[in-house]
């Protein structure tokens, strides 16, 4: 996937023409270069399964063990970071099934970094039911963090530390791995992602670099957020939610009118 990234003060590259590379010095700082190249984002999922029996709990955090099994590819592979994000954020059932999500998206990306270095408690094995509950709750929290990050401007992401673990917010701000190489004599940027976590975080960062704005769907209990692509007011993520709310509001108005008419008739009845 090739992306056109708008130039900002936070990045050193900018795609203007995906067929023509450009390298130019920044006029206000001769030591800084602004490189304009096409950028290709690749998500290469690692398929396999988590092994609850070998997972441990330490300092209130779960350390899952993932066993890669390339032969366990799903019928449809998610190789687009944006589709992985949409799949997670569009899931309406909670608690989320961590096992099912990792089946489709591959290894989520939780590993040694999830261990609490400050804890002095001895690690212990987890019961399989405790493992599933802990992993599902963790995925729900990631989902909530991703949603909040999309809605909130990137400059205010630090405010998320009030509602989410600092380690997760910092992971959200971790730079994506951009490498500059050459293809056919022309420079090209490549971002290779191997976990669903990195894929989703990178998709959010790139959307923010492009200046995209997002809004929560106004339909109650709908978890989706959608990109604002015009100045026209939009309340719902799709036509299904808009139609559902239109019917619901219409029925509510009809019921309210019917109730008023009933009360009015009763007040006019003799002896009432």
C-alpha atoms as a PDB file:
ATOM      1  CA  UNK A   1       0.000   0.000   0.000  1.00  0.00           C
ATOM      2  CA  UNK A   2       1.444   3.357  -1.013  1.00  0.00           C
ATOM      3  CA  UNK A   3       0.530   6.373   1.070  1.00  0.00           C
ATOM      4  CA  UNK A   4       0.599  10.089   0.444  1.00  0.00           C
ATOM      5  CA  UNK A   5       1.726  11.684   3.695  1.00  0.00           C
ATOM      6  CA  UNK A   6       1.228  15.416   4.135  1.00  0.00           C
ATOM      7  CA  UNK A   7       4.248  17.404   5.283  1.00  0.00           C
ATOM      8  CA  UNK A   8       4.213  18.257   8.974  1.00  0.00           C
ATOM      9  CA  UNK A   9       6.723  19.462  11.545  1.00  0.00           C
ATOM     10  CA  UNK A  10       6.867  16.005  13.108  1.00  0.00           C
ATOM     11  CA  UNK A  11       8.137  13.995  10.140  1.00  0.00           C
ATOM     12  CA  UNK A  12      11.133  14.022   7.841  1.00  0.00           C
ATOM     13  CA  UNK A  13       9.405  12.738   4.736  1.00  0.00           C
ATOM     14  CA  UNK A  14       6.573  13.816   2.488  1.00  0.00           C
ATOM     15  CA  UNK A  15       5.090  12.163  -0.556  1.00  0.00           C
ATOM     16  CA  UNK A  16       4.356  14.642  -3.339  1.00  0.00           C
ATOM     17  CA  UNK A  17       4.620  12.374  -6.355  1.00  0.00           C
ATOM     18  CA  UNK A  18       4.917   8.622  -5.868  1.00  0.00           C
ATOM     19  CA  UNK A  19       6.931   8.357  -9.084  1.00  0.00           C
ATOM     20  CA  UNK A  20       9.412  11.180  -8.466  1.00  0.00           C
ATOM     21  CA  UNK A  21      11.702  11.374  -5.428  1.00  0.00           C
ATOM     22  CA  UNK A  22      12.647  14.752  -4.018  1.00  0.00           C
ATOM     23  CA  UNK A  23      15.291  15.660  -1.457  1.00  0.00           C
ATOM     24  CA  UNK A  24      15.622  19.239  -0.289  1.00  0.00           C
ATOM     25  CA  UNK A  25      17.116  21.127   2.638  1.00  0.00           C
ATOM     26  CA  UNK A  26      14.891  22.807   5.184  1.00  0.00           C
ATOM     27  CA  UNK A  27      15.392  26.542   4.731  1.00  0.00           C
ATOM     28  CA  UNK A  28      15.209  27.371   8.452  1.00  0.00           C
ATOM     29  CA  UNK A  29      17.593  24.597   9.497  1.00  0.00           C
ATOM     30  CA  UNK A  30      20.353  23.586   7.096  1.00  0.00           C
ATOM     31  CA  UNK A  31      21.167  20.504   9.215  1.00  0.00           C
ATOM     32  CA  UNK A  32      17.703  19.020   8.675  1.00  0.00           C
ATOM     33  CA  UNK A  33      16.564  17.341   5.499  1.00  0.00           C
ATOM     34  CA  UNK A  34      13.013  16.912   4.277  1.00  0.00           C
ATOM     35  CA  UNK A  35      12.829  13.762   2.136  1.00  0.00           C
ATOM     36  CA  UNK A  36       9.855  13.266  -0.160  1.00  0.00           C
ATOM     37  CA  UNK A  37       9.456   9.650  -1.210  1.00  0.00           C
ATOM     38  CA  UNK A  38       6.662   7.123  -1.741  1.00  0.00           C
ATOM     39  CA  UNK A  39       6.008   5.082   1.402  1.00  0.00           C
ATOM     40  CA  UNK A  40       4.876   1.469   1.321  1.00  0.00           C
ATOM     41  CA  UNK A  41       3.243  -0.040   4.427  1.00  0.00           C
ATOM     42  CA  UNK A  42       3.350  -3.822   4.757  1.00  0.00           C
ATOM     43  CA  UNK A  43       1.636  -5.851   7.455  1.00  0.00           C
ATOM     44  CA  UNK A  44       3.020  -9.385   7.663  1.00  0.00           C
ATOM     45  CA  UNK A  45       0.986 -11.218  10.334  1.00  0.00           C
ATOM     46  CA  UNK A  46       2.561 -13.980  12.412  1.00  0.00           C
ATOM     47  CA  UNK A  47      -0.044 -16.727  12.670  1.00  0.00           C
ATOM     48  CA  UNK A  48      -0.125 -19.311  15.413  1.00  0.00           C
ATOM     49  CA  UNK A  49      -1.740 -19.649  18.828  1.00  0.00           C
ATOM     50  CA  UNK A  50      -1.312 -18.562  22.429  1.00  0.00           C
ATOM     51  CA  UNK A  51      -0.641 -21.248  25.026  1.00  0.00           C
ATOM     52  CA  UNK A  52      -2.539 -20.452  28.248  1.00  0.00           C
ATOM     53  CA  UNK A  53      -0.907 -23.297  30.181  1.00  0.00           C
ATOM     54  CA  UNK A  54       2.533 -21.703  29.785  1.00  0.00           C
ATOM     55  CA  UNK A  55       1.458 -18.128  30.503  1.00  0.00           C
ATOM     56  CA  UNK A  56       2.342 -16.425  33.774  1.00  0.00           C
ATOM     57  CA  UNK A  57       0.990 -13.559  35.831  1.00  0.00           C
ATOM     58  CA  UNK A  58       3.345 -11.058  37.441  1.00  0.00           C
ATOM     59  CA  UNK A  59       2.692  -7.688  38.993  1.00  0.00           C
ATOM     60  CA  UNK A  60      -0.899  -7.697  37.812  1.00  0.00           C
ATOM     61  CA  UNK A  61       0.136  -8.187  34.184  1.00  0.00           C
ATOM     62  CA  UNK A  62      -0.216 -11.218  31.959  1.00  0.00           C
ATOM     63  CA  UNK A  63       2.756 -12.619  30.063  1.00  0.00           C
ATOM     64  CA  UNK A  64       1.271 -14.780  27.301  1.00  0.00           C
ATOM     65  CA  UNK A  65       3.305 -17.310  25.338  1.00  0.00           C
ATOM     66  CA  UNK A  66       2.728 -17.344  21.587  1.00  0.00           C
ATOM     67  CA  UNK A  67       3.686 -20.290  19.402  1.00  0.00           C
ATOM     68  CA  UNK A  68       4.064 -19.422  15.697  1.00  0.00           C
ATOM     69  CA  UNK A  69       2.353 -21.858  13.326  1.00  0.00           C
ATOM     70  CA  UNK A  70       2.574 -20.641   9.724  1.00  0.00           C
ATOM     71  CA  UNK A  71       0.242 -23.431   8.623  1.00  0.00           C
ATOM     72  CA  UNK A  72      -2.632 -21.935  10.655  1.00  0.00           C
ATOM     73  CA  UNK A  73      -3.437 -19.122   8.252  1.00  0.00           C
ATOM     74  CA  UNK A  74      -7.105 -18.064   8.197  1.00  0.00           C
ATOM     75  CA  UNK A  75      -9.189 -18.267   4.999  1.00  0.00           C
ATOM     76  CA  UNK A  76      -8.783 -14.510   4.532  1.00  0.00           C
ATOM     77  CA  UNK A  77      -5.522 -12.840   5.535  1.00  0.00           C
ATOM     78  CA  UNK A  78      -5.522  -9.336   7.008  1.00  0.00           C
ATOM     79  CA  UNK A  79      -2.527  -7.651   5.401  1.00  0.00           C
ATOM     80  CA  UNK A  80      -3.934  -4.105   5.523  1.00  0.00           C
ATOM     81  CA  UNK A  81      -3.350  -2.350   8.900  1.00  0.00           C
ATOM     82  CA  UNK A  82      -6.514  -0.272   8.425  1.00  0.00           C
ATOM     83  CA  UNK A  83      -8.643  -3.393   7.936  1.00  0.00           C
ATOM     84  CA  UNK A  84      -7.209  -4.922  11.113  1.00  0.00           C
ATOM     85  CA  UNK A  85      -8.114  -1.736  12.984  1.00  0.00           C
ATOM     86  CA  UNK A  86     -11.612  -1.642  11.522  1.00  0.00           C
ATOM     87  CA  UNK A  87     -12.138  -5.281  12.452  1.00  0.00           C
ATOM     88  CA  UNK A  88     -11.207  -4.639  16.083  1.00  0.00           C
ATOM     89  CA  UNK A  89     -12.956  -1.300  16.548  1.00  0.00           C
ATOM     90  CA  UNK A  90     -16.058  -2.417  14.673  1.00  0.00           C
ATOM     91  CA  UNK A  91     -16.631  -5.443  16.908  1.00  0.00           C
ATOM     92  CA  UNK A  92     -19.777  -4.746  18.897  1.00  0.00           C
ATOM     93  CA  UNK A  93     -19.768  -7.788  21.165  1.00  0.00           C
ATOM     94  CA  UNK A  94     -17.974  -7.522  24.492  1.00  0.00           C
ATOM     95  CA  UNK A  95     -16.126  -9.087  26.098  1.00  0.00           C
ATOM     96  CA  UNK A  96     -14.044  -9.527  22.968  1.00  0.00           C
ATOM     97  CA  UNK A  97     -12.711 -12.957  22.197  1.00  0.00           C
ATOM     98  CA  UNK A  98      -8.936 -12.538  22.194  1.00  0.00           C
ATOM     99  CA  UNK A  99      -8.399 -15.995  20.710  1.00  0.00           C
ATOM    100  CA  UNK A 100     -10.726 -15.347  17.768  1.00  0.00           C
ATOM    101  CA  UNK A 101      -9.194 -11.939  17.060  1.00  0.00           C
ATOM    102  CA  UNK A 102      -5.647 -13.352  17.033  1.00  0.00           C
ATOM    103  CA  UNK A 103      -6.827 -16.158  14.723  1.00  0.00           C
ATOM    104  CA  UNK A 104      -7.694 -13.579  12.062  1.00  0.00           C
ATOM    105  CA  UNK A 105      -5.034 -10.940  12.737  1.00  0.00           C
ATOM    106  CA  UNK A 106      -2.119 -13.050  13.968  1.00  0.00           C
ATOM    107  CA  UNK A 107       0.032 -12.337  17.009  1.00  0.00           C
ATOM    108  CA  UNK A 108      -1.264  -9.238  18.739  1.00  0.00           C
ATOM    109  CA  UNK A 109       2.114  -8.137  20.037  1.00  0.00           C
ATOM    110  CA  UNK A 110       2.050  -8.675  23.789  1.00  0.00           C
ATOM    111  CA  UNK A 111       5.334 -10.064  25.064  1.00  0.00           C
ATOM    112  CA  UNK A 112       8.088  -9.381  27.552  1.00  0.00           C
ATOM    113  CA  UNK A 113       7.264  -5.663  27.580  1.00  0.00           C
ATOM    114  CA  UNK A 114       4.060  -6.530  29.372  1.00  0.00           C
ATOM    115  CA  UNK A 115       5.949  -7.771  32.449  1.00  0.00           C
ATOM    116  CA  UNK A 116       6.077  -5.478  35.464  1.00  0.00           C
ATOM    117  CA  UNK A 117       9.716  -4.794  36.256  1.00  0.00           C
ATOM    118  CA  UNK A 118       8.818  -3.017  39.499  1.00  0.00           C
ATOM    119  CA  UNK A 119       7.006  -6.027  40.925  1.00  0.00           C
ATOM    120  CA  UNK A 120       8.792  -8.230  43.434  1.00  0.00           C
ATOM    121  CA  UNK A 121       6.068 -10.836  43.471  1.00  0.00           C
ATOM    122  CA  UNK A 122       7.007 -14.272  42.232  1.00  0.00           C
ATOM    123  CA  UNK A 123       5.519 -15.098  38.832  1.00  0.00           C
ATOM    124  CA  UNK A 124       2.776 -17.729  38.917  1.00  0.00           C
ATOM    125  CA  UNK A 125       1.013 -19.905  36.416  1.00  0.00           C
ATOM    126  CA  UNK A 126      -2.514 -18.940  35.437  1.00  0.00           C
ATOM    127  CA  UNK A 127      -5.681 -20.968  35.331  1.00  0.00           C
ATOM    128  CA  UNK A 128      -6.977 -21.179  31.768  1.00  0.00           C
ATOM    129  CA  UNK A 129     -10.220 -19.349  32.644  1.00  0.00           C
ATOM    130  CA  UNK A 130      -8.244 -16.570  34.358  1.00  0.00           C
ATOM    131  CA  UNK A 131      -6.027 -16.330  31.286  1.00  0.00           C
ATOM    132  CA  UNK A 132      -8.933 -15.906  28.881  1.00  0.00           C
ATOM    133  CA  UNK A 133     -10.586 -13.322  31.146  1.00  0.00           C
ATOM    134  CA  UNK A 134      -7.359 -11.329  31.506  1.00  0.00           C
ATOM    135  CA  UNK A 135      -6.605 -11.354  27.780  1.00  0.00           C
ATOM    136  CA  UNK A 136     -10.148 -10.382  26.795  1.00  0.00           C
ATOM    137  CA  UNK A 137     -10.150  -7.493  29.265  1.00  0.00           C
ATOM    138  CA  UNK A 138      -6.765  -6.360  27.971  1.00  0.00           C
ATOM    139  CA  UNK A 139      -8.002  -6.327  24.382  1.00  0.00           C
ATOM    140  CA  UNK A 140     -11.063  -4.311  25.389  1.00  0.00           C
ATOM    141  CA  UNK A 141      -8.805  -1.725  27.005  1.00  0.00           C
ATOM    142  CA  UNK A 142      -6.663  -1.511  23.867  1.00  0.00           C
ATOM    143  CA  UNK A 143      -9.818  -1.056  21.818  1.00  0.00           C
ATOM    144  CA  UNK A 144     -10.961   1.797  24.071  1.00  0.00           C
ATOM    145  CA  UNK A 145      -7.519   3.419  23.869  1.00  0.00           C
ATOM    146  CA  UNK A 146      -7.418   3.204  20.067  1.00  0.00           C
ATOM    147  CA  UNK A 147     -10.878   4.752  19.834  1.00  0.00           C
ATOM    148  CA  UNK A 148      -9.939   7.600  22.162  1.00  0.00           C
ATOM    149  CA  UNK A 149      -6.678   8.213  20.267  1.00  0.00           C
ATOM    150  CA  UNK A 150      -8.501   8.505  16.945  1.00  0.00           C
ATOM    151  CA  UNK A 151     -10.944  11.077  18.314  1.00  0.00           C
ATOM    152  CA  UNK A 152      -8.365  13.079  20.270  1.00  0.00           C
ATOM    153  CA  UNK A 153      -5.760  15.260  18.488  1.00  0.00           C
ATOM    154  CA  UNK A 154      -2.282  13.725  18.606  1.00  0.00           C
ATOM    155  CA  UNK A 155      -0.966  16.742  20.526  1.00  0.00           C
ATOM    156  CA  UNK A 156      -3.268  15.781  23.419  1.00  0.00           C
ATOM    157  CA  UNK A 157      -2.491  12.064  23.575  1.00  0.00           C
ATOM    158  CA  UNK A 158      -0.643  12.529  26.879  1.00  0.00           C
ATOM    159  CA  UNK A 159      -4.033  13.250  28.468  1.00  0.00           C
ATOM    160  CA  UNK A 160      -4.907   9.608  27.828  1.00  0.00           C
ATOM    161  CA  UNK A 161      -2.568   8.637  30.671  1.00  0.00           C
ATOM    162  CA  UNK A 162      -5.311   9.718  33.080  1.00  0.00           C
ATOM    163  CA  UNK A 163      -7.607   6.928  31.880  1.00  0.00           C
ATOM    164  CA  UNK A 164      -5.237   4.277  30.523  1.00  0.00           C
ATOM    165  CA  UNK A 165      -1.968   2.611  31.634  1.00  0.00           C
ATOM    166  CA  UNK A 166       1.045   4.768  30.860  1.00  0.00           C
ATOM    167  CA  UNK A 167       2.835   1.839  29.191  1.00  0.00           C
ATOM    168  CA  UNK A 168       0.002   1.533  26.669  1.00  0.00           C
ATOM    169  CA  UNK A 169      -0.177   5.239  25.904  1.00  0.00           C
ATOM    170  CA  UNK A 170       3.585   5.269  25.322  1.00  0.00           C
ATOM    171  CA  UNK A 171       3.233   2.301  22.992  1.00  0.00           C
ATOM    172  CA  UNK A 172       0.684   4.355  21.077  1.00  0.00           C
ATOM    173  CA  UNK A 173       3.300   7.096  20.608  1.00  0.00           C
ATOM    174  CA  UNK A 174       6.124   4.754  19.623  1.00  0.00           C
ATOM    175  CA  UNK A 175       7.516   5.766  16.180  1.00  0.00           C
ATOM    176  CA  UNK A 176       6.769   3.306  13.407  1.00  0.00           C
ATOM    177  CA  UNK A 177       9.769   1.602  11.764  1.00  0.00           C
ATOM    178  CA  UNK A 178      10.392   3.582   8.591  1.00  0.00           C
ATOM    179  CA  UNK A 179      13.293   2.489   6.398  1.00  0.00           C
ATOM    180  CA  UNK A 180      14.484   4.257   3.253  1.00  0.00           C
ATOM    181  CA  UNK A 181      15.759   2.058   0.430  1.00  0.00           C
ATOM    182  CA  UNK A 182      16.036   2.018  -3.334  1.00  0.00           C
ATOM    183  CA  UNK A 183      13.782   0.493  -5.968  1.00  0.00           C
ATOM    184  CA  UNK A 184      14.544   0.786  -9.664  1.00  0.00           C
ATOM    185  CA  UNK A 185      17.045   3.552  -8.984  1.00  0.00           C
ATOM    186  CA  UNK A 186      14.553   5.594  -6.968  1.00  0.00           C
ATOM    187  CA  UNK A 187      14.275   5.927  -3.176  1.00  0.00           C
ATOM    188  CA  UNK A 188      11.283   4.382  -1.452  1.00  0.00           C
ATOM    189  CA  UNK A 189      10.181   4.288   2.171  1.00  0.00           C
ATOM    190  CA  UNK A 190       9.087   0.971   3.658  1.00  0.00           C
ATOM    191  CA  UNK A 191       7.243   0.263   6.903  1.00  0.00           C
ATOM    192  CA  UNK A 192       7.113  -3.449   7.742  1.00  0.00           C
ATOM    193  CA  UNK A 193       4.821  -4.486  10.607  1.00  0.00           C
ATOM    194  CA  UNK A 194       4.668  -7.965  12.135  1.00  0.00           C
ATOM    195  CA  UNK A 195       2.077  -7.694  14.915  1.00  0.00           C
ATOM    196  CA  UNK A 196      -1.527  -6.547  14.978  1.00  0.00           C
ATOM    197  CA  UNK A 197      -0.671  -4.044  17.714  1.00  0.00           C
ATOM    198  CA  UNK A 198       2.012  -2.359  15.604  1.00  0.00           C
ATOM    199  CA  UNK A 199      -0.280  -2.429  12.554  1.00  0.00           C
ATOM    200  CA  UNK A 200      -3.120  -0.659  14.357  1.00  0.00           C
ATOM    201  CA  UNK A 201      -0.849   1.886  16.078  1.00  0.00           C
ATOM    202  CA  UNK A 202       0.858   2.704  12.770  1.00  0.00           C
ATOM    203  CA  UNK A 203      -2.475   3.147  10.985  1.00  0.00           C
ATOM    204  CA  UNK A 204      -3.563   5.626  13.658  1.00  0.00           C
ATOM    205  CA  UNK A 205      -0.277   7.546  13.505  1.00  0.00           C
ATOM    206  CA  UNK A 206      -0.370   7.804   9.720  1.00  0.00           C
ATOM    207  CA  UNK A 207      -3.969   9.015   9.782  1.00  0.00           C
ATOM    208  CA  UNK A 208      -2.956  11.699  12.274  1.00  0.00           C
ATOM    209  CA  UNK A 209       0.032  12.707  10.128  1.00  0.00           C
ATOM    210  CA  UNK A 210      -2.376  13.139   7.222  1.00  0.00           C
ATOM    211  CA  UNK A 211      -4.526  15.414   9.356  1.00  0.00           C
ATOM    212  CA  UNK A 212      -7.508  13.053   9.454  1.00  0.00           C
ATOM    213  CA  UNK A 213     -10.240  13.738  12.029  1.00  0.00           C
ATOM    214  CA  UNK A 214     -12.552  11.139  13.538  1.00  0.00           C
ATOM    215  CA  UNK A 215     -15.847  11.148  15.392  1.00  0.00           C
ATOM    216  CA  UNK A 216     -17.748   8.614  17.506  1.00  0.00           C
ATOM    217  CA  UNK A 217     -20.962   7.242  15.991  1.00  0.00           C
ATOM    218  CA  UNK A 218     -23.969   8.887  17.675  1.00  0.00           C
ATOM    219  CA  UNK A 219     -25.975   5.657  17.762  1.00  0.00           C
ATOM    220  CA  UNK A 220     -25.997   4.335  21.352  1.00  0.00           C
ATOM    221  CA  UNK A 221     -23.919   1.173  21.834  1.00  0.00           C
ATOM    222  CA  UNK A 222     -22.247   1.498  18.418  1.00  0.00           C
ATOM    223  CA  UNK A 223     -18.473   1.270  18.985  1.00  0.00           C
ATOM    224  CA  UNK A 224     -17.430   2.602  15.601  1.00  0.00           C
ATOM    225  CA  UNK A 225     -15.599   5.825  14.872  1.00  0.00           C
ATOM    226  CA  UNK A 226     -15.562   7.306  11.389  1.00  0.00           C
ATOM    227  CA  UNK A 227     -13.402   9.715   9.441  1.00  0.00           C
ATOM    228  CA  UNK A 228     -14.774  13.195   8.814  1.00  0.00           C
ATOM    229  CA  UNK A 229     -14.312  13.650   5.080  1.00  0.00           C
ATOM    230  CA  UNK A 230     -16.372  16.787   4.479  1.00  0.00           C
ATOM    231  CA  UNK A 231     -17.680  19.852   6.272  1.00  0.00           C
ATOM    232  CA  UNK A 232     -21.222  18.538   6.204  1.00  0.00           C
ATOM    233  CA  UNK A 233     -22.490  17.484   9.612  1.00  0.00           C
ATOM    234  CA  UNK A 234     -22.473  13.726  10.038  1.00  0.00           C
ATOM    235  CA  UNK A 235     -23.626  11.860  13.131  1.00  0.00           C
ATOM    236  CA  UNK A 236     -23.501   8.190  12.212  1.00  0.00           C
ATOM    237  CA  UNK A 237     -20.857   5.813  10.925  1.00  0.00           C
ATOM    238  CA  UNK A 238     -22.983   4.355   8.117  1.00  0.00           C
ATOM    239  CA  UNK A 239     -26.461   4.335   6.596  1.00  0.00           C
ATOM    240  CA  UNK A 240     -27.552   1.390   8.761  1.00  0.00           C
ATOM    241  CA  UNK A 241     -27.011   3.339  11.991  1.00  0.00           C
ATOM    242  CA  UNK A 242     -28.568   6.467  10.479  1.00  0.00           C
ATOM    243  CA  UNK A 243     -31.659   4.519   9.364  1.00  0.00           C
ATOM    244  CA  UNK A 244     -31.948   2.747  12.722  1.00  0.00           C
ATOM    245  CA  UNK A 245     -31.870   6.032  14.642  1.00  0.00           C
ATOM    246  CA  UNK A 246     -34.279   7.707  12.200  1.00  0.00           C
ATOM    247  CA  UNK A 247     -36.835   4.924  12.729  1.00  0.00           C
ATOM    248  CA  UNK A 248     -36.273   4.926  16.497  1.00  0.00           C
ATOM    249  CA  UNK A 249     -36.665   8.702  16.761  1.00  0.00           C
ATOM    250  CA  UNK A 250     -39.744   8.637  14.532  1.00  0.00           C
ATOM    251  CA  UNK A 251     -41.389   5.997  16.710  1.00  0.00           C
ATOM    252  CA  UNK A 252     -40.490   7.933  19.851  1.00  0.00           C
ATOM    253  CA  UNK A 253     -42.098  11.094  18.458  1.00  0.00           C
ATOM    254  CA  UNK A 254     -45.199   9.130  17.437  1.00  0.00           C
ATOM    255  CA  UNK A 255     -45.480   7.541  20.877  1.00  0.00           C
ATOM    256  CA  UNK A 256     -45.080  10.940  22.570  1.00  0.00           C
ATOM    257  CA  UNK A 257     -47.767  12.473  20.330  1.00  0.00           C
ATOM    258  CA  UNK A 258     -50.094   9.555  21.005  1.00  0.00           C
ATOM    259  CA  UNK A 259     -49.569   9.949  24.743  1.00  0.00           C
ATOM    260  CA  UNK A 260     -50.379  13.675  24.578  1.00  0.00           C
ATOM    261  CA  UNK A 261     -53.553  12.994  22.578  1.00  0.00           C
ATOM    262  CA  UNK A 262     -54.673  10.354  25.082  1.00  0.00           C
ATOM    263  CA  UNK A 263     -54.144  12.709  28.007  1.00  0.00           C
ATOM    264  CA  UNK A 264     -56.001  15.466  26.111  1.00  0.00           C
ATOM    265  CA  UNK A 265     -59.010  13.189  25.470  1.00  0.00           C
ATOM    266  CA  UNK A 266     -59.113  12.118  29.082  1.00  0.00           C
ATOM    267  CA  UNK A 267     -59.102  15.733  30.270  1.00  0.00           C
ATOM    268  CA  UNK A 268     -62.119  16.490  28.087  1.00  0.00           C
ATOM    269  CA  UNK A 269     -64.132  13.512  29.328  1.00  0.00           C
ATOM    270  CA  UNK A 270     -67.019  14.609  31.655  1.00  0.00           C
ATOM    271  CA  UNK A 271     -66.497  13.643  35.282  1.00  0.00           C
ATOM    272  CA  UNK A 272     -62.795  13.037  34.836  1.00  0.00           C
END
